Amino acid sequence: FWLKPFGLKPCPLEFRSCFASSSSLTAFSPMAPAKASIGTLHFIEQTLYKAEKALIAAKFNGLVLDKKAFDAQKDAKKPDFLAKNPVGKVPFLETDMGCIFTTNAIARYVARCRADTSLYGKSFDDECQIDTWLEFCTHEIEVPLMTWVYPVMGLMDDVPKATSEAQADVKKAFTMLENQLKASEYLVGDFITLADIAIVCAL
């Protein structure tokens, strides 16, 4: 599977086979890495998938991205954390120009750091389509998956009715993805974009 060369844990669900079946994914070569880091990505170990979007995007764009585990119990109370990240959202990317928070905002920033790659599309229309799928990923996949999986991980209380509804929502989202991938090898165009990366990481 194409995530393995990056040292990241592949998604455990069967849906990843839709992406893994593509020979183009395996053949895709990330850009040669730059020497200077574009920032430090702070993340929580238990929700690493939120940071993986940016980490994989950095690999594809040949960017150096430092990473640092964030301890929500200890680090969130430190004055310097709230001073540089007043909203208190994690993950967050600490750059020389300030902090960027929320998973998709960070991933977009990393994808757009290289104007000579197609990770954020090749046209304005591509960018809009990528944004559409990023929103789909958040609201139609990540939110119901959190409702379903987080209780199993001990991150939140289990509400049976909510879990059942979340499972139905995930099934519906997977059906939509299946239909999209029947018509196109990738979610947007004929090349890998941040949309594909985001979906795989969410799974």
N, C-alpha and C. Protein backbone atom coordinates (compact mmCIF):
# COMPACT_ATOMS: atom_id res chain seq x y z
N PHE A 1 0.85 -1.21 0.00
CA PHE A 1 0.00 0.00 0.00
C PHE A 1 0.88 1.25 0.00
N TRP A 2 0.39 2.29 -0.67
CA TRP A 2 1.26 3.43 -0.98
C TRP A 2 1.63 4.28 0.21
N LEU A 3 1.00 4.10 1.38
CA LEU A 3 1.40 4.89 2.56
C LEU A 3 2.63 4.30 3.26
N LYS A 4 2.89 3.03 3.05
CA LYS A 4 3.94 2.36 3.78
C LYS A 4 5.33 2.98 3.63
N PRO A 5 5.72 3.46 2.43
CA PRO A 5 7.06 4.07 2.31
C PRO A 5 7.24 5.29 3.20
N PHE A 6 6.15 5.89 3.67
CA PHE A 6 6.25 7.09 4.50
C PHE A 6 6.30 6.75 5.98
N GLY A 7 6.26 5.47 6.33
CA GLY A 7 6.33 5.07 7.72
C GLY A 7 5.06 5.37 8.48
N LEU A 8 3.93 5.50 7.77
CA LEU A 8 2.67 5.81 8.41
C LEU A 8 1.78 4.58 8.39
N LYS A 9 0.94 4.46 9.40
CA LYS A 9 0.07 3.30 9.53
C LYS A 9 -1.04 3.36 8.48
N PRO A 10 -1.17 2.35 7.63
CA PRO A 10 -2.21 2.36 6.62
C PRO A 10 -3.58 2.22 7.25
N CYS A 11 -4.61 2.70 6.56
CA CYS A 11 -5.96 2.63 7.10
C CYS A 11 -6.38 1.18 7.20
N PRO A 12 -7.06 0.80 8.29
CA PRO A 12 -7.38 -0.59 8.54
C PRO A 12 -8.65 -1.07 7.85
N LEU A 13 -9.42 -0.18 7.26
CA LEU A 13 -10.70 -0.57 6.69
C LEU A 13 -10.55 -1.05 5.25
N GLU A 14 -11.49 -1.86 4.82
CA GLU A 14 -11.41 -2.47 3.50
C GLU A 14 -11.50 -1.45 2.37
N PHE A 15 -12.06 -0.28 2.66
CA PHE A 15 -12.24 0.71 1.60
C PHE A 15 -10.92 1.15 0.99
N ARG A 16 -9.82 1.03 1.75
CA ARG A 16 -8.54 1.48 1.22
C ARG A 16 -8.15 0.72 -0.03
N SER A 17 -8.74 -0.44 -0.26
CA SER A 17 -8.42 -1.22 -1.45
C SER A 17 -8.83 -0.49 -2.72
N CYS A 18 -9.82 0.41 -2.62
CA CYS A 18 -10.23 1.19 -3.79
C CYS A 18 -9.09 2.05 -4.29
N PHE A 19 -8.29 2.56 -3.33
CA PHE A 19 -7.16 3.40 -3.71
C PHE A 19 -5.93 2.53 -4.01
N ALA A 20 -5.75 1.47 -3.22
CA ALA A 20 -4.55 0.65 -3.37
C ALA A 20 -4.52 -0.11 -4.68
N SER A 21 -5.69 -0.29 -5.31
CA SER A 21 -5.73 -1.03 -6.56
C SER A 21 -5.14 -0.25 -7.72
N SER A 22 -4.90 1.02 -7.52
CA SER A 22 -4.38 1.85 -8.59
C SER A 22 -2.86 1.70 -8.71
N SER A 23 -2.39 1.26 -9.86
CA SER A 23 -0.95 1.13 -10.07
C SER A 23 -0.26 2.48 -10.06
N SER A 24 -1.02 3.53 -10.41
CA SER A 24 -0.43 4.86 -10.46
C SER A 24 -0.05 5.36 -9.08
N LEU A 25 -0.81 4.94 -8.06
CA LEU A 25 -0.49 5.35 -6.70
C LEU A 25 0.86 4.80 -6.29
N THR A 26 1.09 3.54 -6.60
CA THR A 26 2.35 2.91 -6.25
C THR A 26 3.51 3.54 -7.00
N ALA A 27 3.25 3.94 -8.23
CA ALA A 27 4.33 4.46 -9.07
C ALA A 27 4.65 5.91 -8.79
N PHE A 28 3.76 6.60 -8.05
CA PHE A 28 3.96 8.02 -7.82
C PHE A 28 5.18 8.24 -6.93
N SER A 29 6.05 9.14 -7.32
CA SER A 29 7.26 9.43 -6.56
C SER A 29 7.18 10.81 -5.93
N PRO A 30 7.34 10.90 -4.60
CA PRO A 30 7.34 12.20 -3.95
C PRO A 30 8.50 13.06 -4.45
N MET A 31 8.35 14.37 -4.31
CA MET A 31 9.41 15.29 -4.71
C MET A 31 10.61 15.12 -3.79
N ALA A 32 11.79 15.47 -4.27
CA ALA A 32 12.99 15.41 -3.44
C ALA A 32 12.83 16.37 -2.27
N PRO A 33 13.15 15.94 -1.04
CA PRO A 33 12.93 16.79 0.12
C PRO A 33 13.79 18.03 0.15
N ALA A 34 13.20 19.11 0.67
CA ALA A 34 13.94 20.34 0.87
C ALA A 34 14.78 20.21 2.14
N LYS A 35 15.67 21.15 2.37
CA LYS A 35 16.54 21.07 3.54
C LYS A 35 15.95 21.78 4.75
N ALA A 36 15.30 22.90 4.54
CA ALA A 36 14.77 23.68 5.66
C ALA A 36 13.33 23.27 5.98
N SER A 37 13.02 23.20 7.26
CA SER A 37 11.68 22.84 7.69
C SER A 37 10.73 24.02 7.50
N ILE A 38 9.49 23.74 7.12
CA ILE A 38 8.50 24.81 6.97
C ILE A 38 7.75 25.06 8.27
N GLY A 39 8.03 24.24 9.28
CA GLY A 39 7.38 24.45 10.57
C GLY A 39 7.35 23.17 11.39
N THR A 40 6.76 23.28 12.59
CA THR A 40 6.63 22.13 13.48
C THR A 40 5.16 21.78 13.66
N LEU A 41 4.83 20.54 13.37
CA LEU A 41 3.45 20.07 13.48
C LEU A 41 3.26 19.41 14.84
N HIS A 42 2.40 19.99 15.65
CA HIS A 42 2.08 19.45 16.97
C HIS A 42 0.82 18.62 16.85
N PHE A 43 0.84 17.41 17.38
CA PHE A 43 -0.30 16.51 17.23
C PHE A 43 -0.48 15.64 18.47
N ILE A 44 -1.67 15.07 18.62
CA ILE A 44 -1.98 14.15 19.71
C ILE A 44 -1.87 12.73 19.18
N GLU A 45 -1.13 11.88 19.87
CA GLU A 45 -0.85 10.53 19.41
C GLU A 45 -2.12 9.74 19.10
N GLN A 46 -3.13 9.86 19.94
CA GLN A 46 -4.36 9.07 19.78
C GLN A 46 -5.16 9.46 18.54
N THR A 47 -4.94 10.66 18.05
CA THR A 47 -5.64 11.11 16.84
C THR A 47 -4.61 11.51 15.77
N LEU A 48 -3.64 10.64 15.59
CA LEU A 48 -2.55 10.91 14.65
C LEU A 48 -3.06 11.12 13.22
N TYR A 49 -4.17 10.47 12.88
CA TYR A 49 -4.67 10.58 11.51
C TYR A 49 -4.93 12.03 11.10
N LYS A 50 -5.22 12.88 12.09
CA LYS A 50 -5.47 14.29 11.78
C LYS A 50 -4.21 14.99 11.30
N ALA A 51 -3.06 14.52 11.78
CA ALA A 51 -1.78 15.10 11.37
C ALA A 51 -1.23 14.45 10.11
N GLU A 52 -1.65 13.21 9.84
CA GLU A 52 -1.10 12.47 8.71
C GLU A 52 -1.39 13.14 7.38
N LYS A 53 -2.52 13.84 7.28
CA LYS A 53 -2.84 14.54 6.04
C LYS A 53 -1.69 15.48 5.65
N ALA A 54 -1.25 16.28 6.62
CA ALA A 54 -0.18 17.24 6.35
C ALA A 54 1.16 16.54 6.17
N LEU A 55 1.42 15.50 6.96
CA LEU A 55 2.69 14.79 6.87
C LEU A 55 2.86 14.13 5.50
N ILE A 56 1.80 13.52 5.00
CA ILE A 56 1.88 12.88 3.68
C ILE A 56 1.97 13.92 2.58
N ALA A 57 1.20 15.00 2.72
CA ALA A 57 1.26 16.08 1.73
C ALA A 57 2.68 16.65 1.66
N ALA A 58 3.33 16.77 2.80
CA ALA A 58 4.71 17.26 2.84
C ALA A 58 5.64 16.32 2.10
N LYS A 59 5.43 15.01 2.26
CA LYS A 59 6.25 14.02 1.55
C LYS A 59 6.09 14.16 0.05
N PHE A 60 4.85 14.28 -0.39
CA PHE A 60 4.59 14.40 -1.82
C PHE A 60 5.18 15.68 -2.39
N ASN A 61 5.17 16.74 -1.60
CA ASN A 61 5.68 18.03 -2.08
C ASN A 61 7.17 18.22 -1.80
N GLY A 62 7.81 17.22 -1.21
CA GLY A 62 9.24 17.33 -0.94
C GLY A 62 9.57 18.37 0.11
N LEU A 63 8.70 18.53 1.11
CA LEU A 63 8.89 19.52 2.16
C LEU A 63 9.27 18.86 3.47
N VAL A 64 10.09 19.55 4.25
CA VAL A 64 10.47 19.07 5.57
C VAL A 64 9.48 19.64 6.58
N LEU A 65 8.89 18.75 7.35
CA LEU A 65 7.91 19.15 8.36
C LEU A 65 8.27 18.47 9.67
N ASP A 66 8.76 19.25 10.63
CA ASP A 66 9.07 18.68 11.94
C ASP A 66 7.78 18.30 12.65
N LYS A 67 7.84 17.32 13.51
CA LYS A 67 6.63 16.90 14.24
C LYS A 67 6.94 16.72 15.73
N LYS A 68 5.93 17.00 16.54
CA LYS A 68 6.10 16.93 17.98
C LYS A 68 4.80 16.48 18.62
N ALA A 69 4.88 15.43 19.44
CA ALA A 69 3.70 14.93 20.13
C ALA A 69 3.22 15.94 21.17
N PHE A 70 1.92 16.09 21.25
CA PHE A 70 1.32 17.06 22.16
C PHE A 70 0.58 16.31 23.27
N ASP A 71 0.90 16.62 24.51
CA ASP A 71 0.23 16.01 25.67
C ASP A 71 -0.90 16.93 26.10
N ALA A 72 -2.12 16.54 25.80
CA ALA A 72 -3.27 17.40 26.09
C ALA A 72 -3.44 17.68 27.57
N GLN A 73 -3.02 16.75 28.42
CA GLN A 73 -3.18 16.93 29.86
C GLN A 73 -2.18 17.95 30.42
N LYS A 74 -0.99 18.01 29.84
CA LYS A 74 0.06 18.89 30.35
C LYS A 74 0.28 20.14 29.50
N ASP A 75 0.48 19.92 28.19
CA ASP A 75 0.84 21.03 27.32
C ASP A 75 -0.27 22.06 27.14
N ALA A 76 -1.53 21.61 27.21
CA ALA A 76 -2.66 22.52 26.98
C ALA A 76 -2.78 23.59 28.05
N LYS A 77 -2.15 23.35 29.20
CA LYS A 77 -2.24 24.29 30.31
C LYS A 77 -1.07 25.27 30.34
N LYS A 78 -0.10 25.06 29.48
CA LYS A 78 1.09 25.91 29.49
C LYS A 78 0.79 27.28 28.87
N PRO A 79 1.22 28.36 29.52
CA PRO A 79 0.96 29.72 29.02
C PRO A 79 1.49 29.97 27.62
N ASP A 80 2.65 29.39 27.29
CA ASP A 80 3.23 29.64 25.97
C ASP A 80 2.38 29.00 24.86
N PHE A 81 1.70 27.90 25.19
CA PHE A 81 0.84 27.26 24.20
C PHE A 81 -0.34 28.16 23.85
N LEU A 82 -1.01 28.69 24.86
CA LEU A 82 -2.16 29.56 24.63
C LEU A 82 -1.73 30.91 24.03
N ALA A 83 -0.49 31.32 24.32
CA ALA A 83 0.00 32.58 23.78
C ALA A 83 0.19 32.49 22.26
N LYS A 84 0.70 31.37 21.79
CA LYS A 84 0.94 31.23 20.35
C LYS A 84 -0.23 30.58 19.62
N ASN A 85 -1.13 29.95 20.37
CA ASN A 85 -2.29 29.28 19.77
C ASN A 85 -3.52 29.53 20.64
N PRO A 86 -4.03 30.76 20.64
CA PRO A 86 -5.12 31.15 21.54
C PRO A 86 -6.39 30.30 21.41
N VAL A 87 -6.65 29.79 20.22
CA VAL A 87 -7.84 28.97 20.02
C VAL A 87 -7.71 27.62 20.72
N GLY A 88 -6.47 27.17 20.89
CA GLY A 88 -6.23 25.92 21.61
C GLY A 88 -6.51 24.65 20.83
N LYS A 89 -6.60 24.75 19.50
CA LYS A 89 -6.88 23.58 18.68
C LYS A 89 -5.62 22.78 18.39
N VAL A 90 -5.76 21.45 18.40
CA VAL A 90 -4.66 20.55 18.07
C VAL A 90 -5.20 19.51 17.10
N PRO A 91 -4.50 19.23 15.99
CA PRO A 91 -3.12 19.64 15.70
C PRO A 91 -3.02 21.10 15.29
N PHE A 92 -1.80 21.62 15.41
CA PHE A 92 -1.51 22.96 14.91
C PHE A 92 -0.10 22.99 14.36
N LEU A 93 0.08 23.83 13.36
CA LEU A 93 1.39 23.96 12.71
C LEU A 93 2.01 25.28 13.15
N GLU A 94 3.15 25.19 13.77
CA GLU A 94 3.88 26.38 14.23
C GLU A 94 4.89 26.79 13.17
N THR A 95 4.71 27.96 12.60
CA THR A 95 5.61 28.46 11.57
C THR A 95 6.24 29.77 12.03
N ASP A 96 7.18 30.27 11.23
CA ASP A 96 7.82 31.55 11.57
C ASP A 96 6.83 32.71 11.53
N MET A 97 5.72 32.51 10.80
CA MET A 97 4.73 33.58 10.65
C MET A 97 3.55 33.44 11.59
N GLY A 98 3.57 32.39 12.42
CA GLY A 98 2.48 32.18 13.35
C GLY A 98 1.97 30.75 13.28
N CYS A 99 0.84 30.50 13.94
CA CYS A 99 0.29 29.15 14.01
C CYS A 99 -0.91 28.98 13.09
N ILE A 100 -1.00 27.80 12.51
CA ILE A 100 -2.14 27.41 11.68
C ILE A 100 -2.80 26.24 12.38
N PHE A 101 -4.10 26.34 12.63
CA PHE A 101 -4.78 25.25 13.33
C PHE A 101 -5.92 24.67 12.51
N THR A 102 -6.35 23.50 12.90
CA THR A 102 -7.32 22.58 12.27
C THR A 102 -6.63 21.78 11.16
N THR A 103 -6.98 20.53 11.13
CA THR A 103 -6.30 19.57 10.26
C THR A 103 -6.34 19.93 8.78
N ASN A 104 -7.51 20.34 8.27
CA ASN A 104 -7.60 20.65 6.85
C ASN A 104 -6.87 21.94 6.48
N ALA A 105 -6.90 22.92 7.36
CA ALA A 105 -6.20 24.18 7.09
C ALA A 105 -4.69 23.93 6.99
N ILE A 106 -4.18 23.08 7.87
CA ILE A 106 -2.76 22.75 7.86
C ILE A 106 -2.41 22.00 6.57
N ALA A 107 -3.23 21.01 6.23
CA ALA A 107 -2.98 20.22 5.03
C ALA A 107 -3.04 21.10 3.77
N ARG A 108 -3.98 22.03 3.73
CA ARG A 108 -4.07 22.94 2.59
C ARG A 108 -2.81 23.80 2.48
N TYR A 109 -2.34 24.29 3.61
CA TYR A 109 -1.14 25.13 3.62
C TYR A 109 0.05 24.36 3.06
N VAL A 110 0.22 23.13 3.53
CA VAL A 110 1.35 22.31 3.09
C VAL A 110 1.23 21.99 1.60
N ALA A 111 0.03 21.66 1.16
CA ALA A 111 -0.18 21.32 -0.26
C ALA A 111 0.08 22.52 -1.16
N ARG A 112 -0.21 23.72 -0.68
CA ARG A 112 -0.07 24.92 -1.50
C ARG A 112 1.33 25.53 -1.42
N CYS A 113 2.18 24.99 -0.57
CA CYS A 113 3.54 25.54 -0.43
C CYS A 113 4.36 25.37 -1.71
N ARG A 114 3.99 24.40 -2.53
CA ARG A 114 4.70 24.18 -3.78
C ARG A 114 3.77 24.49 -4.94
N ALA A 115 4.06 25.57 -5.66
CA ALA A 115 3.22 25.94 -6.81
C ALA A 115 3.53 25.09 -8.04
N ASP A 116 4.64 24.35 -7.99
CA ASP A 116 5.03 23.55 -9.15
C ASP A 116 4.58 22.10 -9.06
N THR A 117 3.71 21.77 -8.11
CA THR A 117 3.14 20.43 -8.04
C THR A 117 1.63 20.52 -8.21
N SER A 118 0.99 19.38 -8.41
CA SER A 118 -0.46 19.37 -8.64
C SER A 118 -1.23 18.84 -7.44
N LEU A 119 -0.61 18.87 -6.27
CA LEU A 119 -1.26 18.30 -5.08
C LEU A 119 -2.54 19.05 -4.73
N TYR A 120 -2.60 20.34 -5.09
CA TYR A 120 -3.83 21.09 -4.86
C TYR A 120 -4.50 21.42 -6.20
N GLY A 121 -4.26 20.56 -7.19
CA GLY A 121 -4.92 20.72 -8.48
C GLY A 121 -4.10 21.51 -9.47
N LYS A 122 -4.59 21.52 -10.70
CA LYS A 122 -3.92 22.22 -11.79
C LYS A 122 -4.71 23.43 -12.28
N SER A 123 -5.87 23.66 -11.68
CA SER A 123 -6.71 24.77 -12.11
C SER A 123 -7.59 25.22 -10.95
N PHE A 124 -8.26 26.34 -11.14
CA PHE A 124 -9.19 26.85 -10.13
C PHE A 124 -10.32 25.85 -9.88
N ASP A 125 -10.80 25.22 -10.95
CA ASP A 125 -11.86 24.23 -10.81
C ASP A 125 -11.38 23.03 -10.00
N ASP A 126 -10.13 22.59 -10.25
CA ASP A 126 -9.57 21.48 -9.46
C ASP A 126 -9.55 21.83 -7.98
N GLU A 127 -9.12 23.05 -7.67
CA GLU A 127 -9.05 23.48 -6.27
C GLU A 127 -10.43 23.43 -5.62
N CYS A 128 -11.44 23.86 -6.34
CA CYS A 128 -12.80 23.84 -5.81
C CYS A 128 -13.27 22.42 -5.56
N GLN A 129 -12.94 21.51 -6.50
CA GLN A 129 -13.31 20.11 -6.33
C GLN A 129 -12.59 19.49 -5.14
N ILE A 130 -11.33 19.83 -4.97
CA ILE A 130 -10.56 19.33 -3.83
C ILE A 130 -11.17 19.82 -2.53
N ASP A 131 -11.52 21.10 -2.48
CA ASP A 131 -12.17 21.66 -1.29
C ASP A 131 -13.48 20.93 -0.99
N THR A 132 -14.23 20.60 -2.04
CA THR A 132 -15.49 19.88 -1.86
C THR A 132 -15.26 18.54 -1.18
N TRP A 133 -14.26 17.81 -1.66
CA TRP A 133 -13.99 16.50 -1.08
C TRP A 133 -13.37 16.59 0.32
N LEU A 134 -12.64 17.65 0.59
CA LEU A 134 -12.11 17.85 1.95
C LEU A 134 -13.25 18.08 2.93
N GLU A 135 -14.25 18.86 2.52
CA GLU A 135 -15.41 19.08 3.37
C GLU A 135 -16.21 17.78 3.53
N PHE A 136 -16.33 17.03 2.45
CA PHE A 136 -17.00 15.73 2.50
C PHE A 136 -16.28 14.82 3.48
N CYS A 137 -14.96 14.81 3.41
CA CYS A 137 -14.16 13.98 4.30
C CYS A 137 -14.43 14.32 5.77
N THR A 138 -14.47 15.60 6.07
CA THR A 138 -14.68 16.02 7.46
C THR A 138 -16.07 15.68 7.95
N HIS A 139 -17.09 16.10 7.22
CA HIS A 139 -18.46 16.02 7.72
C HIS A 139 -19.15 14.68 7.45
N GLU A 140 -18.81 14.02 6.36
CA GLU A 140 -19.50 12.79 6.00
C GLU A 140 -18.73 11.53 6.43
N ILE A 141 -17.43 11.68 6.70
CA ILE A 141 -16.64 10.51 7.10
C ILE A 141 -16.06 10.66 8.50
N GLU A 142 -15.29 11.71 8.72
CA GLU A 142 -14.60 11.85 10.00
C GLU A 142 -15.55 11.99 11.19
N VAL A 143 -16.56 12.83 11.05
CA VAL A 143 -17.49 13.05 12.18
C VAL A 143 -18.23 11.76 12.56
N PRO A 144 -18.86 11.06 11.60
CA PRO A 144 -19.51 9.80 12.00
C PRO A 144 -18.53 8.73 12.46
N LEU A 145 -17.33 8.69 11.85
CA LEU A 145 -16.34 7.70 12.31
C LEU A 145 -15.90 7.98 13.74
N MET A 146 -15.76 9.25 14.10
CA MET A 146 -15.41 9.59 15.48
C MET A 146 -16.51 9.14 16.44
N THR A 147 -17.76 9.37 16.04
CA THR A 147 -18.89 8.95 16.87
C THR A 147 -18.91 7.45 17.05
N TRP A 148 -18.50 6.74 16.03
CA TRP A 148 -18.49 5.28 16.04
C TRP A 148 -17.26 4.72 16.76
N VAL A 149 -16.08 5.23 16.45
CA VAL A 149 -14.83 4.63 16.91
C VAL A 149 -14.32 5.18 18.24
N TYR A 150 -14.51 6.47 18.49
CA TYR A 150 -13.96 7.06 19.71
C TYR A 150 -14.41 6.36 20.99
N PRO A 151 -15.68 5.92 21.11
CA PRO A 151 -16.07 5.17 22.32
C PRO A 151 -15.25 3.89 22.50
N VAL A 152 -14.92 3.24 21.39
CA VAL A 152 -14.12 2.02 21.44
C VAL A 152 -12.71 2.33 21.94
N MET A 153 -12.21 3.51 21.56
CA MET A 153 -10.87 3.92 21.98
C MET A 153 -10.86 4.54 23.38
N GLY A 154 -12.03 4.68 23.97
CA GLY A 154 -12.11 5.26 25.30
C GLY A 154 -12.00 6.77 25.32
N LEU A 155 -12.21 7.40 24.15
CA LEU A 155 -12.08 8.86 24.06
C LEU A 155 -13.40 9.58 24.32
N MET A 156 -14.52 8.84 24.31
CA MET A 156 -15.81 9.44 24.60
C MET A 156 -16.79 8.34 24.99
N ASP A 157 -17.90 8.73 25.64
CA ASP A 157 -18.90 7.76 26.06
C ASP A 157 -19.67 7.22 24.87
N ASP A 158 -20.07 5.97 24.97
CA ASP A 158 -20.83 5.34 23.90
C ASP A 158 -22.32 5.63 24.05
N VAL A 159 -22.91 6.12 22.98
CA VAL A 159 -24.35 6.34 22.93
C VAL A 159 -24.87 5.44 21.81
N PRO A 160 -25.47 4.31 22.14
CA PRO A 160 -25.87 3.32 21.13
C PRO A 160 -26.63 3.88 19.94
N LYS A 161 -27.58 4.75 20.17
CA LYS A 161 -28.37 5.31 19.07
C LYS A 161 -27.48 6.13 18.13
N ALA A 162 -26.60 6.94 18.73
CA ALA A 162 -25.70 7.76 17.92
C ALA A 162 -24.72 6.88 17.14
N THR A 163 -24.26 5.81 17.77
CA THR A 163 -23.34 4.89 17.10
C THR A 163 -24.00 4.23 15.90
N SER A 164 -25.24 3.80 16.08
CA SER A 164 -25.97 3.16 15.00
C SER A 164 -26.18 4.12 13.82
N GLU A 165 -26.53 5.35 14.13
CA GLU A 165 -26.72 6.36 13.08
C GLU A 165 -25.40 6.67 12.37
N ALA A 166 -24.32 6.70 13.15
CA ALA A 166 -23.00 6.98 12.58
C ALA A 166 -22.59 5.87 11.62
N GLN A 167 -22.86 4.63 11.97
CA GLN A 167 -22.53 3.50 11.10
C GLN A 167 -23.28 3.60 9.78
N ALA A 168 -24.54 4.01 9.84
CA ALA A 168 -25.34 4.17 8.62
C ALA A 168 -24.79 5.32 7.78
N ASP A 169 -24.35 6.41 8.43
CA ASP A 169 -23.79 7.55 7.71
C ASP A 169 -22.48 7.18 7.01
N VAL A 170 -21.66 6.38 7.69
CA VAL A 170 -20.39 5.95 7.09
C VAL A 170 -20.65 5.07 5.87
N LYS A 171 -21.62 4.17 5.99
CA LYS A 171 -21.96 3.30 4.87
C LYS A 171 -22.43 4.12 3.68
N LYS A 172 -23.22 5.14 3.93
CA LYS A 172 -23.71 6.01 2.86
C LYS A 172 -22.55 6.75 2.20
N ALA A 173 -21.62 7.26 3.03
CA ALA A 173 -20.46 7.99 2.49
C ALA A 173 -19.60 7.07 1.64
N PHE A 174 -19.41 5.82 2.08
CA PHE A 174 -18.60 4.88 1.32
C PHE A 174 -19.24 4.57 -0.03
N THR A 175 -20.56 4.51 -0.06
CA THR A 175 -21.26 4.26 -1.32
C THR A 175 -21.01 5.41 -2.29
N MET A 176 -21.03 6.63 -1.78
CA MET A 176 -20.77 7.80 -2.62
C MET A 176 -19.34 7.77 -3.16
N LEU A 177 -18.39 7.37 -2.32
CA LEU A 177 -17.00 7.28 -2.75
C LEU A 177 -16.82 6.18 -3.80
N GLU A 178 -17.48 5.05 -3.58
CA GLU A 178 -17.42 3.95 -4.54
C GLU A 178 -17.90 4.42 -5.92
N ASN A 179 -19.00 5.15 -5.93
CA ASN A 179 -19.55 5.63 -7.20
C ASN A 179 -18.61 6.61 -7.88
N GLN A 180 -17.99 7.48 -7.10
CA GLN A 180 -17.05 8.45 -7.67
C GLN A 180 -15.84 7.75 -8.27
N LEU A 181 -15.33 6.73 -7.59
CA LEU A 181 -14.13 6.05 -8.03
C LEU A 181 -14.39 5.06 -9.17
N LYS A 182 -15.66 4.78 -9.44
CA LYS A 182 -15.99 3.98 -10.62
C LYS A 182 -15.83 4.80 -11.89
N ALA A 183 -16.04 6.11 -11.74
CA ALA A 183 -15.97 7.01 -12.89
C ALA A 183 -14.59 7.59 -13.10
N SER A 184 -13.78 7.61 -12.04
CA SER A 184 -12.45 8.23 -12.12
C SER A 184 -11.48 7.48 -11.21
N GLU A 185 -10.24 7.37 -11.65
CA GLU A 185 -9.23 6.65 -10.86
C GLU A 185 -8.94 7.36 -9.55
N TYR A 186 -9.04 8.69 -9.58
CA TYR A 186 -8.83 9.49 -8.38
C TYR A 186 -10.05 10.36 -8.13
N LEU A 187 -10.12 10.99 -7.00
CA LEU A 187 -11.29 11.81 -6.68
C LEU A 187 -11.39 13.05 -7.55
N VAL A 188 -10.24 13.61 -7.91
CA VAL A 188 -10.22 14.81 -8.75
C VAL A 188 -9.22 14.60 -9.88
N GLY A 189 -9.68 14.65 -11.11
CA GLY A 189 -8.77 14.52 -12.24
C GLY A 189 -8.16 13.14 -12.36
N ASP A 190 -7.01 13.07 -13.03
CA ASP A 190 -6.32 11.80 -13.26
C ASP A 190 -4.99 11.75 -12.52
N PHE A 191 -4.93 12.39 -11.36
CA PHE A 191 -3.70 12.45 -10.58
C PHE A 191 -4.04 12.55 -9.10
N ILE A 192 -3.07 12.24 -8.26
CA ILE A 192 -3.26 12.30 -6.81
C ILE A 192 -3.35 13.74 -6.35
N THR A 193 -4.32 14.01 -5.49
CA THR A 193 -4.44 15.33 -4.89
C THR A 193 -4.62 15.19 -3.39
N LEU A 194 -4.69 16.32 -2.73
CA LEU A 194 -4.90 16.34 -1.28
C LEU A 194 -6.22 15.67 -0.92
N ALA A 195 -7.17 15.67 -1.82
CA ALA A 195 -8.47 15.02 -1.56
C ALA A 195 -8.28 13.53 -1.31
N ASP A 196 -7.49 12.86 -2.14
CA ASP A 196 -7.22 11.43 -1.97
C ASP A 196 -6.50 11.17 -0.65
N ILE A 197 -5.52 12.00 -0.35
CA ILE A 197 -4.75 11.84 0.88
C ILE A 197 -5.65 11.97 2.10
N ALA A 198 -6.51 12.97 2.11
CA ALA A 198 -7.39 13.22 3.24
C ALA A 198 -8.33 12.04 3.48
N ILE A 199 -8.92 11.51 2.42
CA ILE A 199 -9.84 10.39 2.56
C ILE A 199 -9.13 9.17 3.13
N VAL A 200 -7.95 8.84 2.58
CA VAL A 200 -7.20 7.69 3.06
C VAL A 200 -6.83 7.84 4.53
N CYS A 201 -6.40 9.01 4.93
CA CYS A 201 -6.01 9.24 6.33
C CYS A 201 -7.21 9.12 7.28
N ALA A 202 -8.37 9.55 6.82
CA ALA A 202 -9.57 9.48 7.65
C ALA A 202 -9.98 8.03 7.90
N LEU A 203 -9.62 7.16 6.95
CA LEU A 203 -9.99 5.76 7.08
C LEU A 203 -8.98 4.96 7.90
